[in-house]
Amino acid sequence: MVNSVPLSTNGRLLARTSRGGEVKLWETDGGTCIGTLRSEPCYARMEITGVTGVTTAPRSALLGLGAIRRQTPGHEPAAP
């Protein structure tokens, strides 16, 4: 699904944005895609090692959304 299609001020580039966080840049003259930009998910690389007070379900959801949990030396990682 396309969210918006803004045009550059000089009219040479068009940017198509989508719900997935992707932006494609197009030349208006020939209709050539000149690049794609992608954003990271909100929780990508969020460090949750040692976080307390979070139950299993929310912790699993955070890991599924890109959060990371590192194993501490001498300890097995907790179940997600």
PDB file of N, CA and C in Angstrom:
ATOM      1  N   MET A   1       0.842  -1.173   0.000  1.00  0.00           N
ATOM      2  CA  MET A   1       0.000   0.000   0.000  1.00  0.00           C
ATOM      3  C   MET A   1       0.893   1.245   0.000  1.00  0.00           C
ATOM      4  N   VAL A   2       0.639   2.153  -0.871  1.00  0.00           N
ATOM      5  CA  VAL A   2       1.404   3.400  -0.969  1.00  0.00           C
ATOM      6  C   VAL A   2       0.734   4.453  -0.094  1.00  0.00           C
ATOM      7  N   ASN A   3       1.542   5.107   0.766  1.00  0.00           N
ATOM      8  CA  ASN A   3       1.010   6.140   1.660  1.00  0.00           C
ATOM      9  C   ASN A   3       1.021   7.522   1.042  1.00  0.00           C
ATOM     10  N   SER A   4       2.114   7.866   0.358  1.00  0.00           N
ATOM     11  CA  SER A   4       2.203   9.201  -0.229  1.00  0.00           C
ATOM     12  C   SER A   4       3.171   9.189  -1.400  1.00  0.00           C
ATOM     13  N   VAL A   5       3.077  10.242  -2.231  1.00  0.00           N
ATOM     14  CA  VAL A   5       3.944  10.376  -3.397  1.00  0.00           C
ATOM     15  C   VAL A   5       4.341  11.847  -3.528  1.00  0.00           C
ATOM     16  N   PRO A   6       5.301  12.311  -2.688  1.00  0.00           N
ATOM     17  CA  PRO A   6       5.740  13.707  -2.797  1.00  0.00           C
ATOM     18  C   PRO A   6       6.675  13.918  -3.990  1.00  0.00           C
ATOM     19  N   LEU A   7       6.668  15.124  -4.506  1.00  0.00           N
ATOM     20  CA  LEU A   7       7.497  15.507  -5.645  1.00  0.00           C
ATOM     21  C   LEU A   7       8.530  16.530  -5.166  1.00  0.00           C
ATOM     22  N   SER A   8       9.780  16.418  -5.670  1.00  0.00           N
ATOM     23  CA  SER A   8      10.812  17.377  -5.279  1.00  0.00           C
ATOM     24  C   SER A   8      10.444  18.769  -5.793  1.00  0.00           C
ATOM     25  N   THR A   9      11.059  19.792  -5.191  1.00  0.00           N
ATOM     26  CA  THR A   9      10.731  21.168  -5.580  1.00  0.00           C
ATOM     27  C   THR A   9      11.108  21.466  -7.025  1.00  0.00           C
ATOM     28  N   ASN A  10      12.141  20.790  -7.557  1.00  0.00           N
ATOM     29  CA  ASN A  10      12.510  21.023  -8.958  1.00  0.00           C
ATOM     30  C   ASN A  10      11.763  20.109  -9.922  1.00  0.00           C
ATOM     31  N   GLY A  11      10.930  19.218  -9.390  1.00  0.00           N
ATOM     32  CA  GLY A  11      10.111  18.350 -10.229  1.00  0.00           C
ATOM     33  C   GLY A  11      10.851  17.178 -10.856  1.00  0.00           C
ATOM     34  N   ARG A  12      12.096  16.951 -10.479  1.00  0.00           N
ATOM     35  CA  ARG A  12      12.886  15.882 -11.102  1.00  0.00           C
ATOM     36  C   ARG A  12      12.798  14.546 -10.379  1.00  0.00           C
ATOM     37  N   LEU A  13      12.454  14.580  -9.105  1.00  0.00           N
ATOM     38  CA  LEU A  13      12.377  13.349  -8.315  1.00  0.00           C
ATOM     39  C   LEU A  13      11.013  13.193  -7.675  1.00  0.00           C
ATOM     40  N   LEU A  14      10.612  11.947  -7.565  1.00  0.00           N
ATOM     41  CA  LEU A  14       9.368  11.586  -6.917  1.00  0.00           C
ATOM     42  C   LEU A  14       9.730  10.551  -5.851  1.00  0.00           C
ATOM     43  N   ALA A  15       9.159  10.670  -4.666  1.00  0.00           N
ATOM     44  CA  ALA A  15       9.419   9.709  -3.596  1.00  0.00           C
ATOM     45  C   ALA A  15       8.128   8.989  -3.267  1.00  0.00           C
ATOM     46  N   ARG A  16       8.165   7.660  -3.363  1.00  0.00           N
ATOM     47  CA  ARG A  16       6.986   6.865  -3.030  1.00  0.00           C
ATOM     48  C   ARG A  16       7.238   6.214  -1.685  1.00  0.00           C
ATOM     49  N   THR A  17       6.359   6.451  -0.715  1.00  0.00           N
ATOM     50  CA  THR A  17       6.514   5.853   0.600  1.00  0.00           C
ATOM     51  C   THR A  17       5.443   4.794   0.818  1.00  0.00           C
ATOM     52  N   SER A  18       5.792   3.791   1.623  1.00  0.00           N
ATOM     53  CA  SER A  18       4.832   2.729   1.904  1.00  0.00           C
ATOM     54  C   SER A  18       4.762   2.469   3.398  1.00  0.00           C
ATOM     55  N   ARG A  19       3.773   1.713   3.818  1.00  0.00           N
ATOM     56  CA  ARG A  19       3.563   1.398   5.219  1.00  0.00           C
ATOM     57  C   ARG A  19       4.732   0.650   5.838  1.00  0.00           C
ATOM     58  N   GLY A  20       5.426  -0.139   5.059  1.00  0.00           N
ATOM     59  CA  GLY A  20       6.537  -0.923   5.569  1.00  0.00           C
ATOM     60  C   GLY A  20       7.773  -0.105   5.875  1.00  0.00           C
ATOM     61  N   GLY A  21       7.721   1.204   5.693  1.00  0.00           N
ATOM     62  CA  GLY A  21       8.858   2.054   5.992  1.00  0.00           C
ATOM     63  C   GLY A  21       9.832   2.180   4.838  1.00  0.00           C
ATOM     64  N   GLU A  22       9.423   1.779   3.653  1.00  0.00           N
ATOM     65  CA  GLU A  22      10.297   1.841   2.484  1.00  0.00           C
ATOM     66  C   GLU A  22      10.003   3.106   1.684  1.00  0.00           C
ATOM     67  N   VAL A  23      11.063   3.741   1.212  1.00  0.00           N
ATOM     68  CA  VAL A  23      10.934   4.921   0.352  1.00  0.00           C
ATOM     69  C   VAL A  23      11.686   4.630  -0.940  1.00  0.00           C
ATOM     70  N   LYS A  24      11.030   4.772  -2.074  1.00  0.00           N
ATOM     71  CA  LYS A  24      11.680   4.607  -3.372  1.00  0.00           C
ATOM     72  C   LYS A  24      11.748   5.960  -4.056  1.00  0.00           C
ATOM     73  N   LEU A  25      12.925   6.268  -4.599  1.00  0.00           N
ATOM     74  CA  LEU A  25      13.124   7.526  -5.311  1.00  0.00           C
ATOM     75  C   LEU A  25      13.093   7.251  -6.814  1.00  0.00           C
ATOM     76  N   TRP A  26      12.309   8.022  -7.537  1.00  0.00           N
ATOM     77  CA  TRP A  26      12.126   7.832  -8.974  1.00  0.00           C
ATOM     78  C   TRP A  26      12.454   9.114  -9.722  1.00  0.00           C
ATOM     79  N   GLU A  27      13.095   8.985 -10.888  1.00  0.00           N
ATOM     80  CA  GLU A  27      13.283  10.121 -11.785  1.00  0.00           C
ATOM     81  C   GLU A  27      11.977  10.310 -12.541  1.00  0.00           C
ATOM     82  N   THR A  28      11.508  11.546 -12.605  1.00  0.00           N
ATOM     83  CA  THR A  28      10.240  11.785 -13.287  1.00  0.00           C
ATOM     84  C   THR A  28      10.377  11.767 -14.805  1.00  0.00           C
ATOM     85  N   ASP A  29      11.570  12.053 -15.323  1.00  0.00           N
ATOM     86  CA  ASP A  29      11.759  12.062 -16.779  1.00  0.00           C
ATOM     87  C   ASP A  29      11.573  10.681 -17.395  1.00  0.00           C
ATOM     88  N   GLY A  30      12.305   9.698 -16.896  1.00  0.00           N
ATOM     89  CA  GLY A  30      12.257   8.372 -17.503  1.00  0.00           C
ATOM     90  C   GLY A  30      11.566   7.318 -16.678  1.00  0.00           C
ATOM     91  N   GLY A  31      11.142   7.664 -15.477  1.00  0.00           N
ATOM     92  CA  GLY A  31      10.473   6.695 -14.623  1.00  0.00           C
ATOM     93  C   GLY A  31      11.415   5.654 -14.044  1.00  0.00           C
ATOM     94  N   THR A  32      12.707   5.998 -13.928  1.00  0.00           N
ATOM     95  CA  THR A  32      13.708   5.075 -13.409  1.00  0.00           C
ATOM     96  C   THR A  32      13.800   5.178 -11.895  1.00  0.00           C
ATOM     97  N   CYS A  33      13.784   4.021 -11.219  1.00  0.00           N
ATOM     98  CA  CYS A  33      13.992   3.993  -9.772  1.00  0.00           C
ATOM     99  C   CYS A  33      15.482   4.159  -9.525  1.00  0.00           C
ATOM    100  N   ILE A  34      15.854   5.202  -8.796  1.00  0.00           N
ATOM    101  CA  ILE A  34      17.275   5.460  -8.573  1.00  0.00           C
ATOM    102  C   ILE A  34      17.746   5.053  -7.178  1.00  0.00           C
ATOM    103  N   GLY A  35      16.830   4.638  -6.316  1.00  0.00           N
ATOM    104  CA  GLY A  35      17.250   4.196  -5.004  1.00  0.00           C
ATOM    105  C   GLY A  35      16.095   3.797  -4.109  1.00  0.00           C
ATOM    106  N   THR A  36      16.429   2.978  -3.115  1.00  0.00           N
ATOM    107  CA  THR A  36      15.449   2.534  -2.128  1.00  0.00           C
ATOM    108  C   THR A  36      16.025   2.749  -0.739  1.00  0.00           C
ATOM    109  N   LEU A  37      15.249   3.353   0.125  1.00  0.00           N
ATOM    110  CA  LEU A  37      15.631   3.571   1.519  1.00  0.00           C
ATOM    111  C   LEU A  37      14.706   2.746   2.399  1.00  0.00           C
ATOM    112  N   ARG A  38      15.263   2.111   3.422  1.00  0.00           N
ATOM    113  CA  ARG A  38      14.457   1.321   4.343  1.00  0.00           C
ATOM    114  C   ARG A  38      14.764   1.754   5.782  1.00  0.00           C
ATOM    115  N   SER A  39      13.734   1.905   6.566  1.00  0.00           N
ATOM    116  CA  SER A  39      13.928   2.255   7.973  1.00  0.00           C
ATOM    117  C   SER A  39      13.964   0.979   8.809  1.00  0.00           C
ATOM    118  N   GLU A  40      14.606   1.073   9.964  1.00  0.00           N
ATOM    119  CA  GLU A  40      14.651  -0.057  10.881  1.00  0.00           C
ATOM    120  C   GLU A  40      13.357  -0.100  11.681  1.00  0.00           C
ATOM    121  N   PRO A  41      12.961  -1.304  12.093  1.00  0.00           N
ATOM    122  CA  PRO A  41      11.807  -1.396  12.990  1.00  0.00           C
ATOM    123  C   PRO A  41      12.077  -0.638  14.297  1.00  0.00           C
ATOM    124  N   CYS A  42      11.040  -0.240  14.979  1.00  0.00           N
ATOM    125  CA  CYS A  42      11.169   0.561  16.208  1.00  0.00           C
ATOM    126  C   CYS A  42      12.087  -0.046  17.251  1.00  0.00           C
ATOM    127  N   TYR A  43      12.051  -1.361  17.409  1.00  0.00           N
ATOM    128  CA  TYR A  43      12.824  -1.991  18.478  1.00  0.00           C
ATOM    129  C   TYR A  43      14.087  -2.684  17.978  1.00  0.00           C
ATOM    130  N   ALA A  44      14.483  -2.441  16.744  1.00  0.00           N
ATOM    131  CA  ALA A  44      15.681  -3.065  16.189  1.00  0.00           C
ATOM    132  C   ALA A  44      16.896  -2.694  17.029  1.00  0.00           C
ATOM    133  N   ARG A  45      17.631  -3.692  17.447  1.00  0.00           N
ATOM    134  CA  ARG A  45      18.867  -3.553  18.211  1.00  0.00           C
ATOM    135  C   ARG A  45      18.680  -2.935  19.599  1.00  0.00           C
ATOM    136  N   MET A  46      17.455  -2.859  20.095  1.00  0.00           N
ATOM    137  CA  MET A  46      17.237  -2.372  21.457  1.00  0.00           C
ATOM    138  C   MET A  46      17.775  -3.434  22.424  1.00  0.00           C
ATOM    139  N   GLU A  47      18.656  -3.045  23.300  1.00  0.00           N
ATOM    140  CA  GLU A  47      19.290  -3.974  24.236  1.00  0.00           C
ATOM    141  C   GLU A  47      18.365  -4.217  25.429  1.00  0.00           C
ATOM    142  N   ILE A  48      17.941  -5.472  25.644  1.00  0.00           N
ATOM    143  CA  ILE A  48      17.063  -5.776  26.777  1.00  0.00           C
ATOM    144  C   ILE A  48      17.715  -6.754  27.761  1.00  0.00           C
ATOM    145  N   THR A  49      19.021  -6.947  27.632  1.00  0.00           N
ATOM    146  CA  THR A  49      19.733  -7.810  28.579  1.00  0.00           C
ATOM    147  C   THR A  49      19.609  -7.226  29.977  1.00  0.00           C
ATOM    148  N   GLY A  50      19.199  -8.041  30.933  1.00  0.00           N
ATOM    149  CA  GLY A  50      19.103  -7.602  32.315  1.00  0.00           C
ATOM    150  C   GLY A  50      17.853  -6.816  32.657  1.00  0.00           C
ATOM    151  N   VAL A  51      16.958  -6.624  31.715  1.00  0.00           N
ATOM    152  CA  VAL A  51      15.721  -5.892  31.987  1.00  0.00           C
ATOM    153  C   VAL A  51      14.888  -6.714  32.967  1.00  0.00           C
ATOM    154  N   THR A  52      14.352  -6.069  33.969  1.00  0.00           N
ATOM    155  CA  THR A  52      13.526  -6.753  34.958  1.00  0.00           C
ATOM    156  C   THR A  52      12.117  -6.185  34.927  1.00  0.00           C
ATOM    157  N   GLY A  53      11.186  -6.961  35.489  1.00  0.00           N
ATOM    158  CA  GLY A  53       9.803  -6.502  35.562  1.00  0.00           C
ATOM    159  C   GLY A  53       9.030  -6.695  34.263  1.00  0.00           C
ATOM    160  N   VAL A  54       9.601  -7.453  33.329  1.00  0.00           N
ATOM    161  CA  VAL A  54       8.927  -7.710  32.057  1.00  0.00           C
ATOM    162  C   VAL A  54       8.620  -9.201  31.996  1.00  0.00           C
ATOM    163  N   THR A  55       7.366  -9.539  31.800  1.00  0.00           N
ATOM    164  CA  THR A  55       6.992 -10.951  31.753  1.00  0.00           C
ATOM    165  C   THR A  55       7.379 -11.571  30.415  1.00  0.00           C
ATOM    166  N   THR A  56       7.209 -12.870  30.309  1.00  0.00           N
ATOM    167  CA  THR A  56       7.642 -13.626  29.135  1.00  0.00           C
ATOM    168  C   THR A  56       7.000 -13.132  27.836  1.00  0.00           C
ATOM    169  N   ALA A  57       5.708 -12.879  27.841  1.00  0.00           N
ATOM    170  CA  ALA A  57       5.027 -12.481  26.597  1.00  0.00           C
ATOM    171  C   ALA A  57       5.561 -11.163  26.033  1.00  0.00           C
ATOM    172  N   PRO A  58       5.641 -10.089  26.824  1.00  0.00           N
ATOM    173  CA  PRO A  58       6.188  -8.842  26.273  1.00  0.00           C
ATOM    174  C   PRO A  58       7.664  -8.976  25.870  1.00  0.00           C
ATOM    175  N   ARG A  59       8.435  -9.760  26.653  1.00  0.00           N
ATOM    176  CA  ARG A  59       9.844  -9.970  26.308  1.00  0.00           C
ATOM    177  C   ARG A  59       9.952 -10.669  24.949  1.00  0.00           C
ATOM    178  N   SER A  60       9.125 -11.673  24.727  1.00  0.00           N
ATOM    179  CA  SER A  60       9.116 -12.386  23.440  1.00  0.00           C
ATOM    180  C   SER A  60       8.704 -11.457  22.306  1.00  0.00           C
ATOM    181  N   ALA A  61       7.723 -10.595  22.583  1.00  0.00           N
ATOM    182  CA  ALA A  61       7.280  -9.639  21.560  1.00  0.00           C
ATOM    183  C   ALA A  61       8.410  -8.686  21.190  1.00  0.00           C
ATOM    184  N   LEU A  62       9.127  -8.175  22.193  1.00  0.00           N
ATOM    185  CA  LEU A  62      10.249  -7.272  21.923  1.00  0.00           C
ATOM    186  C   LEU A  62      11.333  -7.968  21.098  1.00  0.00           C
ATOM    187  N   LEU A  63      11.652  -9.206  21.454  1.00  0.00           N
ATOM    188  CA  LEU A  63      12.658  -9.954  20.690  1.00  0.00           C
ATOM    189  C   LEU A  63      12.182 -10.178  19.258  1.00  0.00           C
ATOM    190  N   GLY A  64      10.904 -10.459  19.095  1.00  0.00           N
ATOM    191  CA  GLY A  64      10.345 -10.647  17.754  1.00  0.00           C
ATOM    192  C   GLY A  64      10.374  -9.382  16.918  1.00  0.00           C
ATOM    193  N   LEU A  65      10.378  -8.232  17.588  1.00  0.00           N
ATOM    194  CA  LEU A  65      10.406  -6.950  16.888  1.00  0.00           C
ATOM    195  C   LEU A  65      11.822  -6.426  16.672  1.00  0.00           C
ATOM    196  N   GLY A  66      12.829  -7.245  17.046  1.00  0.00           N
ATOM    197  CA  GLY A  66      14.198  -6.866  16.751  1.00  0.00           C
ATOM    198  C   GLY A  66      15.072  -6.524  17.938  1.00  0.00           C
ATOM    199  N   ALA A  67      14.507  -6.549  19.158  1.00  0.00           N
ATOM    200  CA  ALA A  67      15.330  -6.284  20.339  1.00  0.00           C
ATOM    201  C   ALA A  67      16.343  -7.416  20.490  1.00  0.00           C
ATOM    202  N   ILE A  68      17.427  -7.146  21.208  1.00  0.00           N
ATOM    203  CA  ILE A  68      18.453  -8.170  21.399  1.00  0.00           C
ATOM    204  C   ILE A  68      18.698  -8.400  22.880  1.00  0.00           C
ATOM    205  N   ARG A  69      19.077  -9.621  23.194  1.00  0.00           N
ATOM    206  CA  ARG A  69      19.413  -9.995  24.556  1.00  0.00           C
ATOM    207  C   ARG A  69      20.721 -10.767  24.483  1.00  0.00           C
ATOM    208  N   ARG A  70      21.715 -10.280  25.154  1.00  0.00           N
ATOM    209  CA  ARG A  70      23.024 -10.933  25.140  1.00  0.00           C
ATOM    210  C   ARG A  70      23.149 -11.893  26.313  1.00  0.00           C
ATOM    211  N   GLN A  71      23.888 -12.967  26.085  1.00  0.00           N
ATOM    212  CA  GLN A  71      24.139 -13.926  27.148  1.00  0.00           C
ATOM    213  C   GLN A  71      25.214 -13.366  28.058  1.00  0.00           C
ATOM    214  N   THR A  72      24.949 -13.358  29.350  1.00  0.00           N
ATOM    215  CA  THR A  72      25.958 -12.889  30.294  1.00  0.00           C
ATOM    216  C   THR A  72      26.886 -14.051  30.643  1.00  0.00           C
ATOM    217  N   PRO A  73      28.160 -13.799  30.841  1.00  0.00           N
ATOM    218  CA  PRO A  73      29.115 -14.876  31.124  1.00  0.00           C
ATOM    219  C   PRO A  73      28.683 -15.726  32.321  1.00  0.00           C
ATOM    220  N   GLY A  74      28.723 -17.050  32.132  1.00  0.00           N
ATOM    221  CA  GLY A  74      28.365 -17.976  33.194  1.00  0.00           C
ATOM    222  C   GLY A  74      26.893 -18.219  33.389  1.00  0.00           C
ATOM    223  N   HIS A  75      26.071 -17.624  32.546  1.00  0.00           N
ATOM    224  CA  HIS A  75      24.624 -17.806  32.655  1.00  0.00           C
ATOM    225  C   HIS A  75      24.047 -18.214  31.320  1.00  0.00           C
ATOM    226  N   GLU A  76      23.096 -19.109  31.368  1.00  0.00           N
ATOM    227  CA  GLU A  76      22.346 -19.463  30.166  1.00  0.00           C
ATOM    228  C   GLU A  76      21.347 -18.355  29.896  1.00  0.00           C
ATOM    229  N   PRO A  77      21.058 -18.043  28.627  1.00  0.00           N
ATOM    230  CA  PRO A  77      20.049 -17.017  28.349  1.00  0.00           C
ATOM    231  C   PRO A  77      18.679 -17.491  28.836  1.00  0.00           C
ATOM    232  N   ALA A  78      17.900 -16.575  29.353  1.00  0.00           N
ATOM    233  CA  ALA A  78      16.544 -16.900  29.806  1.00  0.00           C
ATOM    234  C   ALA A  78      15.682 -17.243  28.615  1.00  0.00           C
ATOM    235  N   ALA A  79      14.678 -18.045  28.846  1.00  0.00           N
ATOM    236  CA  ALA A  79      13.745 -18.395  27.774  1.00  0.00           C
ATOM    237  C   ALA A  79      13.023 -17.139  27.319  1.00  0.00           C
ATOM    238  N   PRO A  80      12.754 -17.026  26.025  1.00  0.00           N
ATOM    239  CA  PRO A  80      12.079 -15.804  25.527  1.00  0.00           C
ATOM    240  C   PRO A  80      10.731 -15.619  26.063  1.00  0.00           C
TER     241      PRO A  80
END
